[in-house]
Amino acid sequence: MRHRKKGRKFTKSKDQRRALLRSLSSSLILKEKITTTEAKAKELKSFVEKSITRAKKDTVANRRLLIKDFSNKVVKKMFQELGSRYKSRAGGYTRITKISPRKSDGARMAVIELMK
């Protein structure tokens, strides 16, 4: 039973799941809009929103926490652009839009993007 269990496993081990979320979130932050499966988009949303909330307050501790997950380029963009863009926003930094299924395997697809 999955009662009170958070998150999706994607049939991957913990380190592979973490790497998947890191790479998807880095792409989302740099490009500001990506297309992925619906389940990955939903899981990615919470990961990215927690990171952006950290980036709103520019402290050494927050920079150290984010540099563990992201490259210098991504962290720089988060603190300089995204942190100031969402300063007055209380949450809801991303939007998920469902699109037609993938032709090859019929997987449910979605576009996840950062709000303006």
C-alpha atoms as a PDB file:
ATOM      1  CA  MET A   1       0.000   0.000   0.000  1.00  0.00           C
ATOM      2  CA  ARG A   2       1.164   3.516  -0.803  1.00  0.00           C
ATOM      3  CA  HIS A   3      -0.542   5.333   2.057  1.00  0.00           C
ATOM      4  CA  ARG A   4       1.299   8.563   2.956  1.00  0.00           C
ATOM      5  CA  LYS A   5       4.123   7.887   0.507  1.00  0.00           C
ATOM      6  CA  LYS A   6       5.392  10.976  -1.323  1.00  0.00           C
ATOM      7  CA  GLY A   7       6.918  11.122  -4.763  1.00  0.00           C
ATOM      8  CA  ARG A   8       7.123   8.863  -7.775  1.00  0.00           C
ATOM      9  CA  LYS A   9       9.810   6.231  -8.243  1.00  0.00           C
ATOM     10  CA  PHE A  10       9.884   6.098 -12.083  1.00  0.00           C
ATOM     11  CA  THR A  11      11.281   2.529 -11.669  1.00  0.00           C
ATOM     12  CA  LYS A  12      14.690   4.028 -10.886  1.00  0.00           C
ATOM     13  CA  SER A  13      16.998   3.927  -7.916  1.00  0.00           C
ATOM     14  CA  LYS A  14      17.296   6.965  -5.658  1.00  0.00           C
ATOM     15  CA  ASP A  15      20.463   8.345  -7.260  1.00  0.00           C
ATOM     16  CA  GLN A  16      19.036   7.932 -10.773  1.00  0.00           C
ATOM     17  CA  ARG A  17      15.804   9.702  -9.760  1.00  0.00           C
ATOM     18  CA  ARG A  18      17.818  12.536  -8.234  1.00  0.00           C
ATOM     19  CA  ALA A  19      19.939  12.848 -11.393  1.00  0.00           C
ATOM     20  CA  LEU A  20      16.797  12.871 -13.551  1.00  0.00           C
ATOM     21  CA  LEU A  21      15.222  15.675 -11.505  1.00  0.00           C
ATOM     22  CA  ARG A  22      18.462  17.663 -11.500  1.00  0.00           C
ATOM     23  CA  SER A  23      18.876  17.497 -15.265  1.00  0.00           C
ATOM     24  CA  LEU A  24      15.207  18.267 -15.977  1.00  0.00           C
ATOM     25  CA  SER A  25      15.203  21.196 -13.575  1.00  0.00           C
ATOM     26  CA  SER A  26      18.462  22.578 -14.990  1.00  0.00           C
ATOM     27  CA  SER A  27      16.947  22.479 -18.474  1.00  0.00           C
ATOM     28  CA  LEU A  28      13.754  24.113 -17.237  1.00  0.00           C
ATOM     29  CA  ILE A  29      15.605  26.908 -15.473  1.00  0.00           C
ATOM     30  CA  LEU A  30      17.882  27.656 -18.424  1.00  0.00           C
ATOM     31  CA  LYS A  31      15.273  27.327 -21.199  1.00  0.00           C
ATOM     32  CA  GLU A  32      12.222  28.313 -19.084  1.00  0.00           C
ATOM     33  CA  LYS A  33       9.989  25.830 -21.000  1.00  0.00           C
ATOM     34  CA  ILE A  34      10.384  22.093 -21.637  1.00  0.00           C
ATOM     35  CA  THR A  35       8.241  19.196 -22.853  1.00  0.00           C
ATOM     36  CA  THR A  36       8.244  15.979 -20.826  1.00  0.00           C
ATOM     37  CA  THR A  37       5.858  13.309 -19.599  1.00  0.00           C
ATOM     38  CA  GLU A  38       3.031  14.372 -17.330  1.00  0.00           C
ATOM     39  CA  ALA A  39       4.300  12.396 -14.320  1.00  0.00           C
ATOM     40  CA  LYS A  40       7.815  13.822 -14.624  1.00  0.00           C
ATOM     41  CA  ALA A  41       6.413  17.341 -14.959  1.00  0.00           C
ATOM     42  CA  LYS A  42       4.328  16.949 -11.804  1.00  0.00           C
ATOM     43  CA  GLU A  43       7.296  15.633  -9.842  1.00  0.00           C
ATOM     44  CA  LEU A  44       9.579  18.317 -11.262  1.00  0.00           C
ATOM     45  CA  LYS A  45       7.215  21.102 -10.233  1.00  0.00           C
ATOM     46  CA  SER A  46       7.768  20.682  -6.498  1.00  0.00           C
ATOM     47  CA  PHE A  47      11.540  20.246  -6.924  1.00  0.00           C
ATOM     48  CA  VAL A  48      11.897  23.467  -8.964  1.00  0.00           C
ATOM     49  CA  GLU A  49       9.545  25.520  -6.817  1.00  0.00           C
ATOM     50  CA  LYS A  50      11.450  24.677  -3.635  1.00  0.00           C
ATOM     51  CA  SER A  51      14.705  25.669  -5.367  1.00  0.00           C
ATOM     52  CA  ILE A  52      13.296  28.981  -6.610  1.00  0.00           C
ATOM     53  CA  THR A  53      11.983  29.767  -3.127  1.00  0.00           C
ATOM     54  CA  ARG A  54      15.551  29.318  -1.858  1.00  0.00           C
ATOM     55  CA  ALA A  55      16.863  31.593  -4.615  1.00  0.00           C
ATOM     56  CA  LYS A  56      14.575  34.436  -3.536  1.00  0.00           C
ATOM     57  CA  LYS A  57      16.755  35.037  -0.488  1.00  0.00           C
ATOM     58  CA  ASP A  58      20.393  35.485  -1.499  1.00  0.00           C
ATOM     59  CA  THR A  59      22.391  34.081   1.413  1.00  0.00           C
ATOM     60  CA  VAL A  60      25.559  32.022   1.534  1.00  0.00           C
ATOM     61  CA  ALA A  61      23.644  29.075   3.001  1.00  0.00           C
ATOM     62  CA  ASN A  62      21.099  29.097   0.163  1.00  0.00           C
ATOM     63  CA  ARG A  63      23.842  29.349  -2.468  1.00  0.00           C
ATOM     64  CA  ARG A  64      25.642  26.364  -0.931  1.00  0.00           C
ATOM     65  CA  LEU A  65      22.470  24.287  -0.877  1.00  0.00           C
ATOM     66  CA  LEU A  66      21.672  25.041  -4.523  1.00  0.00           C
ATOM     67  CA  ILE A  67      25.234  24.551  -5.781  1.00  0.00           C
ATOM     68  CA  LYS A  68      24.959  20.904  -4.624  1.00  0.00           C
ATOM     69  CA  ASP A  69      22.168  20.271  -7.134  1.00  0.00           C
ATOM     70  CA  PHE A  70      22.926  22.666  -9.984  1.00  0.00           C
ATOM     71  CA  SER A  71      25.825  24.005 -12.035  1.00  0.00           C
ATOM     72  CA  ASN A  72      27.238  27.489 -11.492  1.00  0.00           C
ATOM     73  CA  LYS A  73      25.464  28.769 -14.600  1.00  0.00           C
ATOM     74  CA  VAL A  74      22.062  27.621 -13.335  1.00  0.00           C
ATOM     75  CA  VAL A  75      22.624  28.934  -9.796  1.00  0.00           C
ATOM     76  CA  LYS A  76      23.717  32.304 -11.169  1.00  0.00           C
ATOM     77  CA  LYS A  77      20.531  32.588 -13.244  1.00  0.00           C
ATOM     78  CA  MET A  78      18.385  31.540 -10.293  1.00  0.00           C
ATOM     79  CA  PHE A  79      19.742  34.217  -7.976  1.00  0.00           C
ATOM     80  CA  GLN A  80      20.097  37.043 -10.507  1.00  0.00           C
ATOM     81  CA  GLU A  81      16.985  36.621 -12.666  1.00  0.00           C
ATOM     82  CA  LEU A  82      14.485  34.269 -11.052  1.00  0.00           C
ATOM     83  CA  GLY A  83      14.989  35.374  -7.462  1.00  0.00           C
ATOM     84  CA  SER A  84      14.273  38.990  -8.327  1.00  0.00           C
ATOM     85  CA  ARG A  85      11.454  38.092 -10.764  1.00  0.00           C
ATOM     86  CA  TYR A  86       9.504  36.151  -8.122  1.00  0.00           C
ATOM     87  CA  LYS A  87      10.403  38.327  -5.110  1.00  0.00           C
ATOM     88  CA  SER A  88       6.811  39.399  -4.464  1.00  0.00           C
ATOM     89  CA  ARG A  89       5.208  36.110  -5.551  1.00  0.00           C
ATOM     90  CA  ALA A  90       4.269  33.686  -2.757  1.00  0.00           C
ATOM     91  CA  GLY A  91       4.516  30.532  -4.882  1.00  0.00           C
ATOM     92  CA  GLY A  92       3.253  29.005  -8.098  1.00  0.00           C
ATOM     93  CA  TYR A  93       6.326  29.692 -10.209  1.00  0.00           C
ATOM     94  CA  THR A  94       5.588  26.979 -12.776  1.00  0.00           C
ATOM     95  CA  ARG A  95       2.681  26.057 -15.041  1.00  0.00           C
ATOM     96  CA  ILE A  96       1.926  22.584 -16.409  1.00  0.00           C
ATOM     97  CA  THR A  97      -0.066  22.359 -19.642  1.00  0.00           C
ATOM     98  CA  LYS A  98      -1.168  18.946 -20.879  1.00  0.00           C
ATOM     99  CA  ILE A  99      -0.642  18.191 -24.573  1.00  0.00           C
ATOM    100  CA  SER A 100      -1.451  15.281 -26.886  1.00  0.00           C
ATOM    101  CA  PRO A 101       0.074  11.862 -26.109  1.00  0.00           C
ATOM    102  CA  ARG A 102       3.418  10.798 -27.559  1.00  0.00           C
ATOM    103  CA  LYS A 103       2.920   8.866 -30.796  1.00  0.00           C
ATOM    104  CA  SER A 104       5.499   6.152 -30.168  1.00  0.00           C
ATOM    105  CA  ASP A 105       4.231   4.753 -26.870  1.00  0.00           C
ATOM    106  CA  GLY A 106       1.151   6.831 -26.053  1.00  0.00           C
ATOM    107  CA  ALA A 107       2.695   8.386 -22.955  1.00  0.00           C
ATOM    108  CA  ARG A 108       0.795  11.375 -21.559  1.00  0.00           C
ATOM    109  CA  MET A 109       2.843  14.490 -22.323  1.00  0.00           C
ATOM    110  CA  ALA A 110       2.926  17.950 -20.775  1.00  0.00           C
ATOM    111  CA  VAL A 111       4.710  21.263 -21.181  1.00  0.00           C
ATOM    112  CA  ILE A 112       6.123  22.747 -17.974  1.00  0.00           C
ATOM    113  CA  GLU A 113       7.161  26.386 -18.024  1.00  0.00           C
ATOM    114  CA  LEU A 114       8.182  29.131 -15.647  1.00  0.00           C
ATOM    115  CA  MET A 115       5.619  31.874 -15.161  1.00  0.00           C
ATOM    116  CA  LYS A 116       6.457  35.381 -16.329  1.00  0.00           C
END
